[in-house]
Amino acid sequence: MQLSLTQIEAAAVDGPADELLVRRLRDGDAAAGDLLVQRYHQHLLRYLQRLAGDSHVAEELHQATWLSALEHLESFVPSSAGGGFKSWLFRIATNKAHDTWRSRNREKAAKDNLAFLRNEEAADASNFPEGQEQKEKLQKAIDQLPENQRVVLLLRYYSQMKFVDIAKVLGCPLNTALGRMHKAMEKLKELMEG
C-alpha cells in the first residue's frame, strides 16, 4: 500500500490520518479502530453530555454512535463525507440524539433533556462568564434558545468545530449554521443583560 504525501504528513503530526485508520479497520485491523476511538472518545462524550444534559443518556448515545459508525463503516467515503471522519461521527451522534428525543416526544425532550451546562467542564469555554451565579444565569439563557441554535452553539464552543464542519454535521448550508450562531449569540446577550 502506497501512502500519499498528505497521509505521510498527517501521520507525522497526529498519527495516521482518519481515512487511513478507517481503511485499516475495514480490512480487519482492530487496533486502527482503537486509535479512532482514542482520538474522538472524549470530544464526542463531552458533546453528548452537554447535548443530553444527563450522563447516562450521553453514555448510551455515545455507545450507540460508535456501534452505528462501525455498522455503517462501509458507507463512509472520505470524499463525500465533507469534513472527514470527525464530522461524519458527530453527524451520527447528533442524529442518534435527535432519534432519541423524537421517540420520547420531541417537544418535551427539547425542554427537559437539553441542559448543556450541567457538566462542570463547561467552564473551559473561554467566552463564557465565571462564577456560579453567572453560570446558572447562562444555563437558563441557553435553555431558552431554540434547539437548532443550541446545537450550533454547543458544536462550536464545546466541541470546537469549524462552521464548515458544523454545517456538514447538521446537513445545512454554511450560511444557515452561521445565521443560527449569530441569532443564538444575540439572544444570549439579550437574555444575559435582561
Protein backbone atom coordinates (compact mmCIF):
# COMPACT_ATOMS: atom_id res chain seq x y z
CA MET A 1 0.00 0.00 0.00
CA GLN A 2 1.41 3.37 -1.03
CA LEU A 3 0.71 6.42 1.16
CA SER A 4 0.09 9.86 -0.28
CA LEU A 5 2.13 12.86 0.87
CA THR A 6 -0.87 14.14 2.84
CA GLN A 7 -1.19 10.84 4.68
CA ILE A 8 2.50 10.80 5.50
CA GLU A 9 2.35 14.40 6.80
CA ALA A 10 -0.74 13.64 8.90
CA ALA A 11 0.90 10.51 10.28
CA ALA A 12 3.97 12.50 11.25
CA VAL A 13 1.93 15.11 13.16
CA ASP A 14 -1.09 13.35 14.72
CA GLY A 15 -0.59 9.68 13.94
CA PRO A 16 -2.27 8.05 10.98
CA ALA A 17 -4.94 10.05 9.17
CA ASP A 18 -8.52 9.14 10.00
CA GLU A 19 -9.18 7.91 6.48
CA LEU A 20 -6.19 5.58 6.67
CA LEU A 21 -7.40 4.24 10.02
CA VAL A 22 -10.88 3.67 8.58
CA ARG A 23 -9.37 1.77 5.66
CA ARG A 24 -7.29 -0.37 8.04
CA LEU A 25 -10.34 -1.00 10.24
CA ARG A 26 -12.34 -2.12 7.22
CA ASP A 27 -9.52 -4.55 6.48
CA GLY A 28 -9.91 -6.06 9.96
CA ASP A 29 -7.26 -4.13 11.92
CA ALA A 30 -8.93 -3.68 15.33
CA ALA A 31 -6.02 -1.53 16.54
CA ALA A 32 -6.97 1.09 13.94
CA GLY A 33 -10.44 1.21 15.46
CA ASP A 34 -8.91 1.63 18.90
CA LEU A 35 -6.92 4.62 17.64
CA LEU A 36 -10.06 6.24 16.21
CA VAL A 37 -11.91 5.73 19.49
CA GLN A 38 -8.98 7.17 21.48
CA ARG A 39 -8.85 10.15 19.16
CA TYR A 40 -12.54 11.08 19.45
CA HIS A 41 -13.82 9.43 22.64
CA GLN A 42 -13.53 12.44 24.97
CA HIS A 43 -14.70 15.09 22.47
CA LEU A 44 -17.71 13.02 21.47
CA LEU A 45 -18.68 12.11 25.02
CA ARG A 46 -18.41 15.74 26.22
CA TYR A 47 -20.54 16.86 23.27
CA LEU A 48 -23.20 14.27 24.08
CA GLN A 49 -23.14 15.07 27.81
CA ARG A 50 -23.85 18.70 27.09
CA LEU A 51 -26.37 17.88 24.42
CA ALA A 52 -28.29 15.39 26.56
CA GLY A 53 -27.73 17.02 29.93
CA ASP A 54 -27.64 13.56 31.50
CA SER A 55 -24.56 11.37 31.88
CA HIS A 56 -26.45 8.09 31.49
CA VAL A 57 -28.23 9.22 28.33
CA ALA A 58 -24.95 10.60 26.98
CA GLU A 59 -23.19 7.28 27.60
CA GLU A 60 -26.00 5.39 25.82
CA LEU A 61 -25.82 7.80 22.88
CA HIS A 62 -22.04 7.51 22.85
CA GLN A 63 -22.20 3.72 22.60
CA ALA A 64 -24.99 3.88 20.02
CA THR A 65 -22.93 6.32 17.94
CA TRP A 66 -19.85 4.08 17.87
CA LEU A 67 -21.96 0.98 17.14
CA SER A 68 -23.68 2.77 14.28
CA ALA A 69 -20.35 4.06 12.96
CA LEU A 70 -18.93 0.53 12.95
CA GLU A 71 -22.09 -0.88 11.41
CA HIS A 72 -22.05 1.69 8.62
CA LEU A 73 -18.29 1.97 8.20
CA GLU A 74 -18.54 0.78 4.60
CA SER A 75 -20.74 3.78 3.79
CA PHE A 76 -18.08 6.26 4.96
CA VAL A 77 -16.50 7.79 1.88
CA PRO A 78 -13.96 10.50 2.76
CA SER A 79 -14.55 12.50 -0.40
CA SER A 80 -18.32 12.63 0.14
CA ALA A 81 -18.32 12.81 3.96
CA GLY A 82 -17.49 16.51 3.87
CA GLY A 83 -15.29 17.30 6.84
CA GLY A 84 -13.88 13.83 7.20
CA PHE A 85 -14.41 11.15 9.80
CA LYS A 86 -14.91 13.55 12.73
CA SER A 87 -17.81 15.34 11.02
CA TRP A 88 -19.29 12.02 9.94
CA LEU A 89 -19.07 10.68 13.52
CA PHE A 90 -20.59 13.82 15.07
CA ARG A 91 -23.38 13.76 12.47
CA ILE A 92 -24.19 10.19 13.55
CA ALA A 93 -24.15 11.29 17.22
CA THR A 94 -26.42 14.25 16.52
CA ASN A 95 -28.82 12.04 14.56
CA LYS A 96 -28.85 9.44 17.36
CA ALA A 97 -29.69 12.16 19.86
CA HIS A 98 -32.48 13.50 17.65
CA ASP A 99 -33.87 10.00 17.18
CA THR A 100 -33.89 9.51 20.95
CA TRP A 101 -35.69 12.78 21.56
CA ARG A 102 -38.25 12.16 18.85
CA SER A 103 -39.05 8.81 20.40
CA ARG A 104 -39.57 10.50 23.82
CA ASN A 105 -41.82 13.22 22.48
CA ARG A 106 -39.63 15.84 20.88
CA GLU A 107 -41.33 18.86 22.41
CA LYS A 108 -40.96 17.61 25.99
CA ALA A 109 -37.42 16.39 25.48
CA ALA A 110 -36.26 19.68 23.98
CA LYS A 111 -37.14 21.42 27.24
CA ASP A 112 -36.40 18.68 29.76
CA ASN A 113 -33.32 16.95 28.39
CA LEU A 114 -31.25 19.69 26.80
CA ALA A 115 -29.28 21.16 29.69
CA PHE A 116 -25.91 21.91 28.22
CA LEU A 117 -24.01 23.28 31.16
CA ARG A 118 -24.61 20.71 33.87
CA ASN A 119 -21.20 19.24 33.34
CA GLU A 120 -18.57 21.03 35.44
CA GLU A 121 -16.17 21.01 32.49
CA ALA A 122 -18.33 23.66 30.86
CA ALA A 123 -16.05 26.22 32.44
CA ASP A 124 -13.46 25.58 29.70
CA ALA A 125 -15.47 27.68 27.24
CA SER A 126 -13.31 30.79 27.14
CA ASN A 127 -16.03 33.28 26.22
CA PHE A 128 -18.46 32.37 28.99
CA PRO A 129 -18.73 34.23 32.30
CA GLU A 130 -17.22 32.89 35.51
CA GLY A 131 -18.87 32.44 38.87
CA GLN A 132 -21.66 30.12 39.94
CA GLU A 133 -24.41 32.75 39.65
CA GLN A 134 -23.32 33.72 36.15
CA LYS A 135 -23.04 30.06 35.11
CA GLU A 136 -26.59 29.42 36.32
CA LYS A 137 -27.87 32.50 34.52
CA LEU A 138 -26.08 31.41 31.35
CA GLN A 139 -27.51 27.89 31.64
CA LYS A 140 -31.02 29.28 31.92
CA ALA A 141 -30.40 31.52 28.93
CA ILE A 142 -29.06 28.65 26.81
CA ASP A 143 -32.04 26.52 27.81
CA GLN A 144 -34.30 29.20 26.34
CA LEU A 145 -32.64 29.08 22.91
CA PRO A 146 -34.36 27.18 20.11
CA GLU A 147 -32.92 23.69 19.66
CA ASN A 148 -31.21 24.44 16.33
CA GLN A 149 -29.38 27.41 17.87
CA ARG A 150 -28.35 25.46 20.99
CA VAL A 151 -26.86 22.65 18.88
CA VAL A 152 -24.78 25.07 16.79
CA LEU A 153 -23.58 26.83 19.95
CA LEU A 154 -22.64 23.52 21.54
CA LEU A 155 -20.77 22.23 18.50
CA ARG A 156 -18.88 25.49 18.11
CA TYR A 157 -17.85 26.24 21.70
CA TYR A 158 -17.72 22.86 23.36
CA SER A 159 -16.63 20.62 20.51
CA GLN A 160 -14.50 23.34 18.88
CA MET A 161 -15.78 22.55 15.42
CA LYS A 162 -15.39 24.88 12.47
CA PHE A 163 -18.57 26.30 10.99
CA VAL A 164 -17.97 24.39 7.76
CA ASP A 165 -17.94 21.15 9.75
CA ILE A 166 -20.96 22.19 11.82
CA ALA A 167 -22.93 22.77 8.63
CA LYS A 168 -21.94 19.32 7.40
CA VAL A 169 -22.83 17.67 10.71
CA LEU A 170 -26.26 19.30 10.69
CA GLY A 171 -26.79 18.84 6.95
CA CYS A 172 -27.48 22.52 6.35
CA PRO A 173 -25.81 25.25 4.27
CA LEU A 174 -22.88 27.11 5.84
CA ASN A 175 -24.86 30.37 5.89
CA THR A 176 -27.64 28.68 7.85
CA ALA A 177 -25.17 27.47 10.50
CA LEU A 178 -23.62 30.96 10.69
CA GLY A 179 -27.05 32.57 10.91
CA ARG A 180 -28.13 30.25 13.71
CA MET A 181 -24.98 31.06 15.64
CA HIS A 182 -25.47 34.80 15.12
CA LYS A 183 -29.07 34.58 16.34
CA ALA A 184 -28.05 32.43 19.31
CA MET A 185 -25.38 34.94 20.39
CA GLU A 186 -27.78 37.89 20.01
CA LYS A 187 -30.45 36.10 22.04
CA LEU A 188 -27.92 35.05 24.72
CA LYS A 189 -26.68 38.63 25.03
CA GLU A 190 -30.26 39.86 25.37
CA LEU A 191 -31.12 37.22 27.97
CA MET A 192 -27.95 37.79 29.96
CA GLU A 193 -28.49 41.55 30.09
CA GLY A 194 -32.21 41.20 30.96
